[in-house]
């Protein structure tokens, strides 16, 4: 892609998110979401492959439907109250419609069916943008509109997303689909604690972005998109594969890695709110997700492809892609658990 065009599209992505962050007016927030959607569509379709075009078309239709629902809900709310302020949502119907539309935008269950299919059709870098940056603007609106949202709806979305995200990834062999279901499960963890502690939702979202970035950038460095190709990565880059094992376990939420922080704090908050049954269900659904991360770890580090010789070929050229973003993401993904008290102080 032409670098000037790429610069314009990436700037528009940033602009759309910032506009949504800064807006207190529903129409302006909607405009930011639309700029975001229109900026990523050329990035998704840039490879002119039938699968990429199909994924782009599906993404556009889903995002257009969600945007129409947001506009409908905000218009209904303006009709009731006479104002377009985001913090003013006295109409229960408008609040529920809005939450469902934003859940559709970020791919939460049960409105998740588009996400694995769309992510499977994209290259890894565009998939990374869709899985991380594109979640920020809708989540900002979800957090602002929390007070007017039905708590039972948020709890249902959280439990179903966590359950389907764990269950859906069990039978997958394509890494991008596995990461899509991982994203759905993480969305469930963020949304379930939103009504009790929005700060924990923001911490979980931030950690999710770093962990998912580390996973996508690792797969990009290893040129892997299927579990079967993971078995041949050990001879390519033993150090990176060893570290990516920690990245996957962090995504699964195992201590003493960073991913444990958000799950630990969220379960603690749910227990503090005297809803131990919900906390238990969430902890059990985390085991489902952990199983498919362990599958990937097993394929990467404990199996050797039968077609592989046990030596590193000397003719392989030096890598040309920069490793700084990957290094930074891996450090945050694996070593931030001891900083939990500091992070809690900052966000309190």
C-alpha atoms as a PDB file:
ATOM      1  CA  UNK A   1       0.000   0.000   0.000  1.00  0.00           C
ATOM      2  CA  UNK A   2       1.139   3.534  -0.787  1.00  0.00           C
ATOM      3  CA  UNK A   3       2.788   4.983   2.372  1.00  0.00           C
ATOM      4  CA  UNK A   4       0.837   8.266   2.039  1.00  0.00           C
ATOM      5  CA  UNK A   5      -2.472   6.397   1.859  1.00  0.00           C
ATOM      6  CA  UNK A   6      -1.403   4.213   4.800  1.00  0.00           C
ATOM      7  CA  UNK A   7      -0.527   7.315   6.839  1.00  0.00           C
ATOM      8  CA  UNK A   8      -3.943   8.870   6.114  1.00  0.00           C
ATOM      9  CA  UNK A   9      -5.778   5.658   7.068  1.00  0.00           C
ATOM     10  CA  UNK A  10      -3.832   5.163  10.316  1.00  0.00           C
ATOM     11  CA  UNK A  11      -4.308   8.854  11.204  1.00  0.00           C
ATOM     12  CA  UNK A  12      -8.045   8.471  10.573  1.00  0.00           C
ATOM     13  CA  UNK A  13      -8.108   5.409  12.844  1.00  0.00           C
ATOM     14  CA  UNK A  14      -6.513   7.466  15.609  1.00  0.00           C
ATOM     15  CA  UNK A  15      -8.778  10.457  14.916  1.00  0.00           C
ATOM     16  CA  UNK A  16     -11.977   8.375  15.069  1.00  0.00           C
ATOM     17  CA  UNK A  17     -11.046   6.902  18.451  1.00  0.00           C
ATOM     18  CA  UNK A  18      -9.983  10.283  19.888  1.00  0.00           C
ATOM     19  CA  UNK A  19     -13.213  11.928  18.663  1.00  0.00           C
ATOM     20  CA  UNK A  20     -15.269   9.236  20.430  1.00  0.00           C
ATOM     21  CA  UNK A  21     -13.157   9.559  23.597  1.00  0.00           C
ATOM     22  CA  UNK A  22     -13.572  13.332  23.685  1.00  0.00           C
ATOM     23  CA  UNK A  23     -17.273  13.537  22.870  1.00  0.00           C
ATOM     24  CA  UNK A  24     -20.127  14.043  25.287  1.00  0.00           C
ATOM     25  CA  UNK A  25     -22.670  14.250  22.436  1.00  0.00           C
ATOM     26  CA  UNK A  26     -24.106  11.056  20.939  1.00  0.00           C
ATOM     27  CA  UNK A  27     -23.890  12.320  17.356  1.00  0.00           C
ATOM     28  CA  UNK A  28     -20.197  13.164  17.727  1.00  0.00           C
ATOM     29  CA  UNK A  29     -19.479   9.761  19.345  1.00  0.00           C
ATOM     30  CA  UNK A  30     -21.304   8.042  16.479  1.00  0.00           C
ATOM     31  CA  UNK A  31     -19.254  10.060  13.979  1.00  0.00           C
ATOM     32  CA  UNK A  32     -16.001   8.918  15.649  1.00  0.00           C
ATOM     33  CA  UNK A  33     -17.092   5.275  15.409  1.00  0.00           C
ATOM     34  CA  UNK A  34     -17.921   5.720  11.708  1.00  0.00           C
ATOM     35  CA  UNK A  35     -14.523   7.318  10.966  1.00  0.00           C
ATOM     36  CA  UNK A  36     -12.930   4.339  12.725  1.00  0.00           C
ATOM     37  CA  UNK A  37     -14.878   1.814  10.649  1.00  0.00           C
ATOM     38  CA  UNK A  38     -14.271   3.545   7.306  1.00  0.00           C
ATOM     39  CA  UNK A  39     -10.532   3.895   8.017  1.00  0.00           C
ATOM     40  CA  UNK A  40      -9.938   0.196   8.692  1.00  0.00           C
ATOM     41  CA  UNK A  41     -11.922  -1.131   5.702  1.00  0.00           C
ATOM     42  CA  UNK A  42      -9.202  -0.356   3.062  1.00  0.00           C
ATOM     43  CA  UNK A  43      -6.598  -1.915   5.391  1.00  0.00           C
ATOM     44  CA  UNK A  44      -8.692  -5.087   5.596  1.00  0.00           C
ATOM     45  CA  UNK A  45      -9.207  -5.360   1.832  1.00  0.00           C
ATOM     46  CA  UNK A  46      -5.676  -4.379   0.782  1.00  0.00           C
ATOM     47  CA  UNK A  47      -4.611  -7.917  -0.225  1.00  0.00           C
ATOM     48  CA  UNK A  48      -7.363  -8.326  -2.884  1.00  0.00           C
ATOM     49  CA  UNK A  49      -7.926 -11.922  -1.860  1.00  0.00           C
ATOM     50  CA  UNK A  50     -11.504 -13.317  -1.986  1.00  0.00           C
ATOM     51  CA  UNK A  51     -11.299 -14.246   1.703  1.00  0.00           C
ATOM     52  CA  UNK A  52     -10.127 -10.732   2.665  1.00  0.00           C
ATOM     53  CA  UNK A  53     -12.879  -9.116   0.570  1.00  0.00           C
ATOM     54  CA  UNK A  54     -15.476 -11.406   2.162  1.00  0.00           C
ATOM     55  CA  UNK A  55     -14.196 -10.560   5.654  1.00  0.00           C
ATOM     56  CA  UNK A  56     -14.256  -6.828   4.835  1.00  0.00           C
ATOM     57  CA  UNK A  57     -17.841  -7.028   3.532  1.00  0.00           C
ATOM     58  CA  UNK A  58     -19.006  -8.911   6.648  1.00  0.00           C
ATOM     59  CA  UNK A  59     -17.236  -6.422   8.917  1.00  0.00           C
ATOM     60  CA  UNK A  60     -18.753  -3.433   7.098  1.00  0.00           C
ATOM     61  CA  UNK A  61     -22.304  -4.829   7.277  1.00  0.00           C
ATOM     62  CA  UNK A  62     -22.016  -5.689  10.988  1.00  0.00           C
ATOM     63  CA  UNK A  63     -20.506  -2.309  11.908  1.00  0.00           C
ATOM     64  CA  UNK A  64     -23.139  -0.474   9.824  1.00  0.00           C
ATOM     65  CA  UNK A  65     -25.909  -2.390  11.623  1.00  0.00           C
ATOM     66  CA  UNK A  66     -24.415  -1.542  15.031  1.00  0.00           C
ATOM     67  CA  UNK A  67     -23.975   2.127  14.037  1.00  0.00           C
ATOM     68  CA  UNK A  68     -27.626   2.300  12.894  1.00  0.00           C
ATOM     69  CA  UNK A  69     -28.740   0.807  16.242  1.00  0.00           C
ATOM     70  CA  UNK A  70     -26.616   3.386  18.144  1.00  0.00           C
ATOM     71  CA  UNK A  71     -28.148   6.216  16.121  1.00  0.00           C
ATOM     72  CA  UNK A  72     -31.630   4.800  16.681  1.00  0.00           C
ATOM     73  CA  UNK A  73     -31.063   4.451  20.462  1.00  0.00           C
ATOM     74  CA  UNK A  74     -29.614   7.955  20.814  1.00  0.00           C
ATOM     75  CA  UNK A  75     -32.448   9.467  18.733  1.00  0.00           C
ATOM     76  CA  UNK A  76     -35.000   7.624  20.886  1.00  0.00           C
ATOM     77  CA  UNK A  77     -33.271   8.941  23.994  1.00  0.00           C
ATOM     78  CA  UNK A  78     -33.226  12.494  22.591  1.00  0.00           C
ATOM     79  CA  UNK A  79     -36.938  12.192  21.788  1.00  0.00           C
ATOM     80  CA  UNK A  80     -37.597  11.217  25.443  1.00  0.00           C
ATOM     81  CA  UNK A  81     -35.276  13.659  27.235  1.00  0.00           C
ATOM     82  CA  UNK A  82     -34.727  16.476  24.733  1.00  0.00           C
ATOM     83  CA  UNK A  83     -30.919  16.214  24.932  1.00  0.00           C
ATOM     84  CA  UNK A  84     -28.072  14.267  23.261  1.00  0.00           C
ATOM     85  CA  UNK A  85     -25.794  14.037  26.288  1.00  0.00           C
ATOM     86  CA  UNK A  86     -24.053  10.643  26.641  1.00  0.00           C
ATOM     87  CA  UNK A  87     -24.428  10.632  30.447  1.00  0.00           C
ATOM     88  CA  UNK A  88     -28.180  11.195  30.229  1.00  0.00           C
ATOM     89  CA  UNK A  89     -29.880   7.865  29.459  1.00  0.00           C
ATOM     90  CA  UNK A  90     -33.097   7.694  31.510  1.00  0.00           C
ATOM     91  CA  UNK A  91     -34.894   5.541  28.926  1.00  0.00           C
ATOM     92  CA  UNK A  92     -34.335   1.816  29.757  1.00  0.00           C
ATOM     93  CA  UNK A  93     -35.136   0.772  26.178  1.00  0.00           C
ATOM     94  CA  UNK A  94     -32.574   3.220  24.737  1.00  0.00           C
ATOM     95  CA  UNK A  95     -29.950   2.059  27.258  1.00  0.00           C
ATOM     96  CA  UNK A  96     -30.518  -1.608  26.430  1.00  0.00           C
ATOM     97  CA  UNK A  97     -30.498  -1.004  22.647  1.00  0.00           C
ATOM     98  CA  UNK A  98     -27.296   0.983  22.974  1.00  0.00           C
ATOM     99  CA  UNK A  99     -25.536  -1.694  25.056  1.00  0.00           C
ATOM    100  CA  UNK A 100     -26.521  -4.426  22.581  1.00  0.00           C
ATOM    101  CA  UNK A 101     -25.299  -2.290  19.642  1.00  0.00           C
ATOM    102  CA  UNK A 102     -21.926  -1.637  21.310  1.00  0.00           C
ATOM    103  CA  UNK A 103     -21.639  -5.343  22.251  1.00  0.00           C
ATOM    104  CA  UNK A 104     -22.224  -6.158  18.572  1.00  0.00           C
ATOM    105  CA  UNK A 105     -19.481  -3.689  17.622  1.00  0.00           C
ATOM    106  CA  UNK A 106     -16.839  -5.289  19.864  1.00  0.00           C
ATOM    107  CA  UNK A 107     -17.972  -8.871  19.160  1.00  0.00           C
ATOM    108  CA  UNK A 108     -19.349  -9.917  22.535  1.00  0.00           C
ATOM    109  CA  UNK A 109     -21.419 -13.106  22.752  1.00  0.00           C
ATOM    110  CA  UNK A 110     -24.142 -13.806  21.724  1.00  0.00           C
ATOM    111  CA  UNK A 111     -23.459 -11.200  18.968  1.00  0.00           C
ATOM    112  CA  UNK A 112     -20.050 -12.744  18.302  1.00  0.00           C
ATOM    113  CA  UNK A 113     -20.592 -14.940  15.235  1.00  0.00           C
ATOM    114  CA  UNK A 114     -18.991 -12.476  12.809  1.00  0.00           C
ATOM    115  CA  UNK A 115     -15.738 -12.089  14.686  1.00  0.00           C
ATOM    116  CA  UNK A 116     -13.888 -15.422  14.135  1.00  0.00           C
ATOM    117  CA  UNK A 117     -14.855 -15.411  10.441  1.00  0.00           C
ATOM    118  CA  UNK A 118     -13.731 -11.826   9.871  1.00  0.00           C
ATOM    119  CA  UNK A 119     -10.455 -12.251  11.773  1.00  0.00           C
ATOM    120  CA  UNK A 120      -9.688 -15.450   9.844  1.00  0.00           C
ATOM    121  CA  UNK A 121      -9.839 -13.513   6.553  1.00  0.00           C
ATOM    122  CA  UNK A 122      -7.333 -10.828   7.597  1.00  0.00           C
ATOM    123  CA  UNK A 123      -3.560 -10.749   7.769  1.00  0.00           C
ATOM    124  CA  UNK A 124      -2.027 -10.745  11.258  1.00  0.00           C
ATOM    125  CA  UNK A 125      -1.256  -7.010  11.529  1.00  0.00           C
ATOM    126  CA  UNK A 126      -4.745  -5.899  10.422  1.00  0.00           C
ATOM    127  CA  UNK A 127      -6.192  -8.561  12.741  1.00  0.00           C
ATOM    128  CA  UNK A 128      -4.125  -7.053  15.557  1.00  0.00           C
ATOM    129  CA  UNK A 129      -5.621  -3.591  14.905  1.00  0.00           C
ATOM    130  CA  UNK A 130      -9.136  -5.048  14.791  1.00  0.00           C
ATOM    131  CA  UNK A 131      -8.639  -7.013  18.019  1.00  0.00           C
ATOM    132  CA  UNK A 132      -7.107  -4.149  20.024  1.00  0.00           C
ATOM    133  CA  UNK A 133      -7.479  -0.578  18.750  1.00  0.00           C
ATOM    134  CA  UNK A 134     -11.008  -1.068  17.385  1.00  0.00           C
ATOM    135  CA  UNK A 135     -12.247  -2.080  20.853  1.00  0.00           C
ATOM    136  CA  UNK A 136     -11.238   1.199  22.517  1.00  0.00           C
ATOM    137  CA  UNK A 137     -13.907   3.585  21.199  1.00  0.00           C
ATOM    138  CA  UNK A 138     -16.939   1.279  21.783  1.00  0.00           C
ATOM    139  CA  UNK A 139     -15.628   0.416  25.268  1.00  0.00           C
ATOM    140  CA  UNK A 140     -15.305   4.121  26.116  1.00  0.00           C
ATOM    141  CA  UNK A 141     -19.020   4.519  25.307  1.00  0.00           C
ATOM    142  CA  UNK A 142     -19.978   1.351  27.230  1.00  0.00           C
ATOM    143  CA  UNK A 143     -18.126   2.667  30.310  1.00  0.00           C
ATOM    144  CA  UNK A 144     -19.810   6.097  30.054  1.00  0.00           C
ATOM    145  CA  UNK A 145     -23.273   4.593  29.668  1.00  0.00           C
ATOM    146  CA  UNK A 146     -22.880   1.971  32.439  1.00  0.00           C
ATOM    147  CA  UNK A 147     -25.058   3.714  35.021  1.00  0.00           C
ATOM    148  CA  UNK A 148     -28.103   3.593  32.753  1.00  0.00           C
ATOM    149  CA  UNK A 149     -27.613  -0.048  31.705  1.00  0.00           C
ATOM    150  CA  UNK A 150     -29.530  -2.967  33.162  1.00  0.00           C
ATOM    151  CA  UNK A 151     -27.092  -4.832  35.526  1.00  0.00           C
ATOM    152  CA  UNK A 152     -28.627  -8.210  34.619  1.00  0.00           C
ATOM    153  CA  UNK A 153     -27.872  -7.523  30.926  1.00  0.00           C
ATOM    154  CA  UNK A 154     -24.203  -6.763  31.688  1.00  0.00           C
ATOM    155  CA  UNK A 155     -23.858  -9.893  33.852  1.00  0.00           C
ATOM    156  CA  UNK A 156     -25.503 -12.063  31.169  1.00  0.00           C
ATOM    157  CA  UNK A 157     -23.242 -10.650  28.439  1.00  0.00           C
ATOM    158  CA  UNK A 158     -20.179 -11.253  30.622  1.00  0.00           C
ATOM    159  CA  UNK A 159     -20.976 -14.867  31.555  1.00  0.00           C
ATOM    160  CA  UNK A 160     -22.098 -15.864  28.023  1.00  0.00           C
ATOM    161  CA  UNK A 161     -19.056 -14.212  26.391  1.00  0.00           C
ATOM    162  CA  UNK A 162     -16.644 -15.903  28.775  1.00  0.00           C
ATOM    163  CA  UNK A 163     -18.350 -19.271  28.294  1.00  0.00           C
ATOM    164  CA  UNK A 164     -18.598 -19.105  24.483  1.00  0.00           C
ATOM    165  CA  UNK A 165     -15.095 -17.639  24.174  1.00  0.00           C
ATOM    166  CA  UNK A 166     -13.700 -20.617  26.076  1.00  0.00           C
ATOM    167  CA  UNK A 167     -15.897 -23.228  24.432  1.00  0.00           C
ATOM    168  CA  UNK A 168     -15.562 -21.962  20.873  1.00  0.00           C
ATOM    169  CA  UNK A 169     -11.768 -22.040  20.898  1.00  0.00           C
ATOM    170  CA  UNK A 170     -11.497 -25.682  21.969  1.00  0.00           C
ATOM    171  CA  UNK A 171     -12.024 -27.221  18.533  1.00  0.00           C
ATOM    172  CA  UNK A 172     -10.107 -24.703  16.388  1.00  0.00           C
ATOM    173  CA  UNK A 173      -6.930 -25.324  14.401  1.00  0.00           C
ATOM    174  CA  UNK A 174      -6.594 -21.815  12.910  1.00  0.00           C
ATOM    175  CA  UNK A 175      -4.642 -19.467  15.187  1.00  0.00           C
ATOM    176  CA  UNK A 176      -6.569 -16.334  14.188  1.00  0.00           C
ATOM    177  CA  UNK A 177      -9.881 -17.995  15.100  1.00  0.00           C
ATOM    178  CA  UNK A 178      -8.395 -19.087  18.437  1.00  0.00           C
ATOM    179  CA  UNK A 179      -7.346 -15.475  19.113  1.00  0.00           C
ATOM    180  CA  UNK A 180     -10.835 -14.297  18.115  1.00  0.00           C
ATOM    181  CA  UNK A 181     -12.442 -16.603  20.708  1.00  0.00           C
ATOM    182  CA  UNK A 182      -9.791 -15.498  23.209  1.00  0.00           C
ATOM    183  CA  UNK A 183     -10.875 -11.906  22.548  1.00  0.00           C
ATOM    184  CA  UNK A 184     -14.553 -12.809  23.112  1.00  0.00           C
ATOM    185  CA  UNK A 185     -13.686 -14.454  26.456  1.00  0.00           C
ATOM    186  CA  UNK A 186     -11.659 -11.426  27.591  1.00  0.00           C
ATOM    187  CA  UNK A 187     -14.541  -9.101  26.643  1.00  0.00           C
ATOM    188  CA  UNK A 188     -16.734 -11.136  28.992  1.00  0.00           C
ATOM    189  CA  UNK A 189     -14.319 -10.615  31.899  1.00  0.00           C
ATOM    190  CA  UNK A 190     -14.243  -6.868  31.267  1.00  0.00           C
ATOM    191  CA  UNK A 191     -17.996  -6.392  30.967  1.00  0.00           C
ATOM    192  CA  UNK A 192     -18.961  -8.448  34.048  1.00  0.00           C
ATOM    193  CA  UNK A 193     -17.096  -6.190  36.490  1.00  0.00           C
ATOM    194  CA  UNK A 194     -18.016  -2.930  34.738  1.00  0.00           C
ATOM    195  CA  UNK A 195     -21.034  -2.107  36.916  1.00  0.00           C
ATOM    196  CA  UNK A 196     -19.030  -2.601  40.136  1.00  0.00           C
ATOM    197  CA  UNK A 197     -15.604  -1.175  39.260  1.00  0.00           C
ATOM    198  CA  UNK A 198     -15.019   0.586  35.896  1.00  0.00           C
ATOM    199  CA  UNK A 199     -11.332   1.007  36.892  1.00  0.00           C
ATOM    200  CA  UNK A 200     -10.882  -2.783  36.818  1.00  0.00           C
ATOM    201  CA  UNK A 201     -12.478  -2.883  33.369  1.00  0.00           C
ATOM    202  CA  UNK A 202      -9.932  -0.332  32.126  1.00  0.00           C
ATOM    203  CA  UNK A 203      -7.042  -2.277  33.706  1.00  0.00           C
ATOM    204  CA  UNK A 204      -8.294  -5.510  32.109  1.00  0.00           C
ATOM    205  CA  UNK A 205      -8.689  -3.786  28.718  1.00  0.00           C
ATOM    206  CA  UNK A 206      -5.171  -2.336  28.869  1.00  0.00           C
ATOM    207  CA  UNK A 207      -3.609  -5.672  29.818  1.00  0.00           C
ATOM    208  CA  UNK A 208      -5.666  -7.476  27.157  1.00  0.00           C
ATOM    209  CA  UNK A 209      -4.332  -5.086  24.487  1.00  0.00           C
ATOM    210  CA  UNK A 210      -0.703  -5.725  25.464  1.00  0.00           C
ATOM    211  CA  UNK A 211      -1.147  -9.507  25.749  1.00  0.00           C
ATOM    212  CA  UNK A 212      -2.990  -9.788  22.424  1.00  0.00           C
ATOM    213  CA  UNK A 213      -0.391  -7.548  20.730  1.00  0.00           C
ATOM    214  CA  UNK A 214       2.370  -9.849  22.010  1.00  0.00           C
ATOM    215  CA  UNK A 215       0.504 -12.929  20.693  1.00  0.00           C
ATOM    216  CA  UNK A 216      -0.181 -11.448  17.228  1.00  0.00           C
ATOM    217  CA  UNK A 217       3.339 -10.027  16.823  1.00  0.00           C
ATOM    218  CA  UNK A 218       4.851 -13.373  17.871  1.00  0.00           C
ATOM    219  CA  UNK A 219       2.782 -15.211  15.242  1.00  0.00           C
ATOM    220  CA  UNK A 220       3.806 -12.576  12.687  1.00  0.00           C
ATOM    221  CA  UNK A 221       7.496 -13.085  13.553  1.00  0.00           C
ATOM    222  CA  UNK A 222       7.076 -16.872  13.268  1.00  0.00           C
ATOM    223  CA  UNK A 223       4.899 -16.628  10.086  1.00  0.00           C
ATOM    224  CA  UNK A 224       2.359 -19.044  11.600  1.00  0.00           C
ATOM    225  CA  UNK A 225      -1.395 -19.078  11.065  1.00  0.00           C
ATOM    226  CA  UNK A 226      -2.209 -22.741  11.896  1.00  0.00           C
ATOM    227  CA  UNK A 227      -1.400 -25.049  14.812  1.00  0.00           C
ATOM    228  CA  UNK A 228       0.304 -27.467  12.396  1.00  0.00           C
ATOM    229  CA  UNK A 229       2.847 -24.790  11.393  1.00  0.00           C
ATOM    230  CA  UNK A 230       3.570 -24.031  15.061  1.00  0.00           C
ATOM    231  CA  UNK A 231       5.223 -27.432  15.406  1.00  0.00           C
ATOM    232  CA  UNK A 232       7.978 -26.279  13.032  1.00  0.00           C
ATOM    233  CA  UNK A 233       8.792 -23.010  14.777  1.00  0.00           C
ATOM    234  CA  UNK A 234      11.180 -24.355  17.429  1.00  0.00           C
ATOM    235  CA  UNK A 235      14.082 -24.730  14.999  1.00  0.00           C
ATOM    236  CA  UNK A 236      13.427 -21.277  13.517  1.00  0.00           C
ATOM    237  CA  UNK A 237      13.622 -19.316  16.738  1.00  0.00           C
ATOM    238  CA  UNK A 238      13.969 -21.278  20.019  1.00  0.00           C
ATOM    239  CA  UNK A 239      14.268 -18.128  22.188  1.00  0.00           C
ATOM    240  CA  UNK A 240      11.136 -16.485  20.772  1.00  0.00           C
ATOM    241  CA  UNK A 241       9.130 -19.711  21.010  1.00  0.00           C
ATOM    242  CA  UNK A 242      10.181 -20.180  24.662  1.00  0.00           C
ATOM    243  CA  UNK A 243       9.066 -16.634  25.514  1.00  0.00           C
ATOM    244  CA  UNK A 244       5.837 -16.956  23.527  1.00  0.00           C
ATOM    245  CA  UNK A 245       4.986 -19.914  25.779  1.00  0.00           C
ATOM    246  CA  UNK A 246       4.869 -17.406  28.675  1.00  0.00           C
ATOM    247  CA  UNK A 247       2.788 -15.001  26.556  1.00  0.00           C
ATOM    248  CA  UNK A 248       0.135 -17.675  25.921  1.00  0.00           C
ATOM    249  CA  UNK A 249       0.054 -18.722  29.576  1.00  0.00           C
ATOM    250  CA  UNK A 250      -0.332 -15.052  30.520  1.00  0.00           C
ATOM    251  CA  UNK A 251      -3.344 -14.811  28.162  1.00  0.00           C
ATOM    252  CA  UNK A 252      -4.726 -17.842  29.977  1.00  0.00           C
ATOM    253  CA  UNK A 253      -4.349 -16.012  33.306  1.00  0.00           C
ATOM    254  CA  UNK A 254      -1.761 -18.153  35.087  1.00  0.00           C
ATOM    255  CA  UNK A 255       0.297 -16.671  37.940  1.00  0.00           C
ATOM    256  CA  UNK A 256       2.962 -15.271  38.242  1.00  0.00           C
ATOM    257  CA  UNK A 257       2.331 -13.671  34.808  1.00  0.00           C
ATOM    258  CA  UNK A 258       0.605 -10.354  34.088  1.00  0.00           C
ATOM    259  CA  UNK A 259      -2.612 -11.953  32.786  1.00  0.00           C
ATOM    260  CA  UNK A 260      -3.351 -13.275  36.290  1.00  0.00           C
ATOM    261  CA  UNK A 261      -3.686  -9.705  37.599  1.00  0.00           C
ATOM    262  CA  UNK A 262      -6.946  -8.812  35.853  1.00  0.00           C
ATOM    263  CA  UNK A 263      -8.638 -12.182  36.567  1.00  0.00           C
ATOM    264  CA  UNK A 264      -7.538 -12.102  40.223  1.00  0.00           C
ATOM    265  CA  UNK A 265      -8.788  -8.532  40.790  1.00  0.00           C
ATOM    266  CA  UNK A 266     -12.076  -9.177  38.964  1.00  0.00           C
ATOM    267  CA  UNK A 267     -12.811 -12.375  40.944  1.00  0.00           C
ATOM    268  CA  UNK A 268     -11.913 -10.532  44.158  1.00  0.00           C
ATOM    269  CA  UNK A 269     -14.340  -7.720  43.272  1.00  0.00           C
ATOM    270  CA  UNK A 270     -17.147 -10.171  42.406  1.00  0.00           C
ATOM    271  CA  UNK A 271     -16.634 -11.960  45.748  1.00  0.00           C
ATOM    272  CA  UNK A 272     -16.641  -8.590  47.532  1.00  0.00           C
ATOM    273  CA  UNK A 273     -20.003  -7.758  45.888  1.00  0.00           C
ATOM    274  CA  UNK A 274     -21.398 -10.972  47.422  1.00  0.00           C
ATOM    275  CA  UNK A 275     -22.015 -12.805  44.131  1.00  0.00           C
ATOM    276  CA  UNK A 276     -19.859 -15.934  44.631  1.00  0.00           C
ATOM    277  CA  UNK A 277     -21.855 -18.032  42.118  1.00  0.00           C
ATOM    278  CA  UNK A 278     -21.021 -15.642  39.268  1.00  0.00           C
ATOM    279  CA  UNK A 279     -17.380 -15.540  40.393  1.00  0.00           C
ATOM    280  CA  UNK A 280     -17.241 -19.366  40.426  1.00  0.00           C
ATOM    281  CA  UNK A 281     -18.769 -19.609  36.930  1.00  0.00           C
ATOM    282  CA  UNK A 282     -16.231 -17.076  35.600  1.00  0.00           C
ATOM    283  CA  UNK A 283     -13.327 -18.963  37.203  1.00  0.00           C
ATOM    284  CA  UNK A 284     -14.526 -22.233  35.627  1.00  0.00           C
ATOM    285  CA  UNK A 285     -14.913 -20.657  32.171  1.00  0.00           C
ATOM    286  CA  UNK A 286     -11.312 -19.405  32.477  1.00  0.00           C
ATOM    287  CA  UNK A 287     -10.261 -23.083  32.599  1.00  0.00           C
ATOM    288  CA  UNK A 288     -11.840 -23.636  29.170  1.00  0.00           C
ATOM    289  CA  UNK A 289      -9.730 -20.823  27.711  1.00  0.00           C
ATOM    290  CA  UNK A 290      -6.640 -22.111  29.480  1.00  0.00           C
ATOM    291  CA  UNK A 291      -7.070 -25.496  27.781  1.00  0.00           C
ATOM    292  CA  UNK A 292      -6.677 -24.153  24.242  1.00  0.00           C
ATOM    293  CA  UNK A 293      -3.718 -21.965  25.252  1.00  0.00           C
ATOM    294  CA  UNK A 294      -2.077 -25.095  26.673  1.00  0.00           C
ATOM    295  CA  UNK A 295      -2.772 -26.831  23.347  1.00  0.00           C
ATOM    296  CA  UNK A 296      -0.806 -24.097  21.558  1.00  0.00           C
ATOM    297  CA  UNK A 297       1.998 -24.304  24.135  1.00  0.00           C
ATOM    298  CA  UNK A 298       2.158 -28.073  23.643  1.00  0.00           C
ATOM    299  CA  UNK A 299       2.322 -27.713  19.851  1.00  0.00           C
ATOM    300  CA  UNK A 300       5.039 -25.048  20.031  1.00  0.00           C
ATOM    301  CA  UNK A 301       7.397 -26.371  22.657  1.00  0.00           C
ATOM    302  CA  UNK A 302       6.725 -30.055  23.349  1.00  0.00           C
ATOM    303  CA  UNK A 303       6.269 -31.493  19.858  1.00  0.00           C
ATOM    304  CA  UNK A 304       8.713 -31.780  16.983  1.00  0.00           C
ATOM    305  CA  UNK A 305       7.484 -31.985  13.403  1.00  0.00           C
ATOM    306  CA  UNK A 306       8.392 -35.342  11.769  1.00  0.00           C
ATOM    307  CA  UNK A 307       9.723 -33.493   8.712  1.00  0.00           C
ATOM    308  CA  UNK A 308      12.193 -31.444  10.748  1.00  0.00           C
ATOM    309  CA  UNK A 309      15.899 -31.987  11.148  1.00  0.00           C
ATOM    310  CA  UNK A 310      17.418 -30.999  14.479  1.00  0.00           C
ATOM    311  CA  UNK A 311      19.611 -28.164  13.302  1.00  0.00           C
ATOM    312  CA  UNK A 312      19.175 -24.524  12.367  1.00  0.00           C
ATOM    313  CA  UNK A 313      19.911 -24.001   8.637  1.00  0.00           C
ATOM    314  CA  UNK A 314      22.808 -21.616   8.152  1.00  0.00           C
ATOM    315  CA  UNK A 315      21.470 -20.094   4.930  1.00  0.00           C
ATOM    316  CA  UNK A 316      18.516 -18.389   6.564  1.00  0.00           C
ATOM    317  CA  UNK A 317      18.637 -14.621   6.087  1.00  0.00           C
ATOM    318  CA  UNK A 318      18.538 -12.182   8.978  1.00  0.00           C
ATOM    319  CA  UNK A 319      15.035 -10.954   9.934  1.00  0.00           C
ATOM    320  CA  UNK A 320      14.107  -7.553   8.554  1.00  0.00           C
ATOM    321  CA  UNK A 321      11.093  -6.729  10.760  1.00  0.00           C
ATOM    322  CA  UNK A 322      11.609  -4.582  13.828  1.00  0.00           C
ATOM    323  CA  UNK A 323      11.438  -6.422  17.150  1.00  0.00           C
ATOM    324  CA  UNK A 324      10.980  -3.456  19.536  1.00  0.00           C
ATOM    325  CA  UNK A 325       7.116  -3.526  19.699  1.00  0.00           C
ATOM    326  CA  UNK A 326       7.192  -7.304  20.227  1.00  0.00           C
ATOM    327  CA  UNK A 327       9.841  -7.009  22.967  1.00  0.00           C
ATOM    328  CA  UNK A 328       7.893  -4.280  24.781  1.00  0.00           C
ATOM    329  CA  UNK A 329       4.601  -6.223  24.568  1.00  0.00           C
ATOM    330  CA  UNK A 330       6.240  -9.431  25.856  1.00  0.00           C
ATOM    331  CA  UNK A 331       7.883  -7.638  28.814  1.00  0.00           C
ATOM    332  CA  UNK A 332       4.527  -6.123  29.860  1.00  0.00           C
ATOM    333  CA  UNK A 333       2.724  -9.443  29.254  1.00  0.00           C
ATOM    334  CA  UNK A 334       5.055 -11.492  31.437  1.00  0.00           C
ATOM    335  CA  UNK A 335       6.409  -9.237  34.180  1.00  0.00           C
ATOM    336  CA  UNK A 336       3.833  -6.711  35.401  1.00  0.00           C
ATOM    337  CA  UNK A 337       2.144  -8.752  38.162  1.00  0.00           C
ATOM    338  CA  UNK A 338       4.380  -7.341  40.974  1.00  0.00           C
ATOM    339  CA  UNK A 339       3.233  -3.833  39.944  1.00  0.00           C
ATOM    340  CA  UNK A 340      -0.418  -4.604  40.812  1.00  0.00           C
ATOM    341  CA  UNK A 341      -0.526  -2.303  43.922  1.00  0.00           C
ATOM    342  CA  UNK A 342       0.999   0.591  41.941  1.00  0.00           C
ATOM    343  CA  UNK A 343      -1.498   0.132  39.069  1.00  0.00           C
ATOM    344  CA  UNK A 344      -4.398   0.031  41.549  1.00  0.00           C
ATOM    345  CA  UNK A 345      -3.139   3.262  43.181  1.00  0.00           C
ATOM    346  CA  UNK A 346      -2.884   5.016  39.811  1.00  0.00           C
ATOM    347  CA  UNK A 347      -6.387   4.006  38.698  1.00  0.00           C
ATOM    348  CA  UNK A 348      -8.126   4.470  42.072  1.00  0.00           C
END
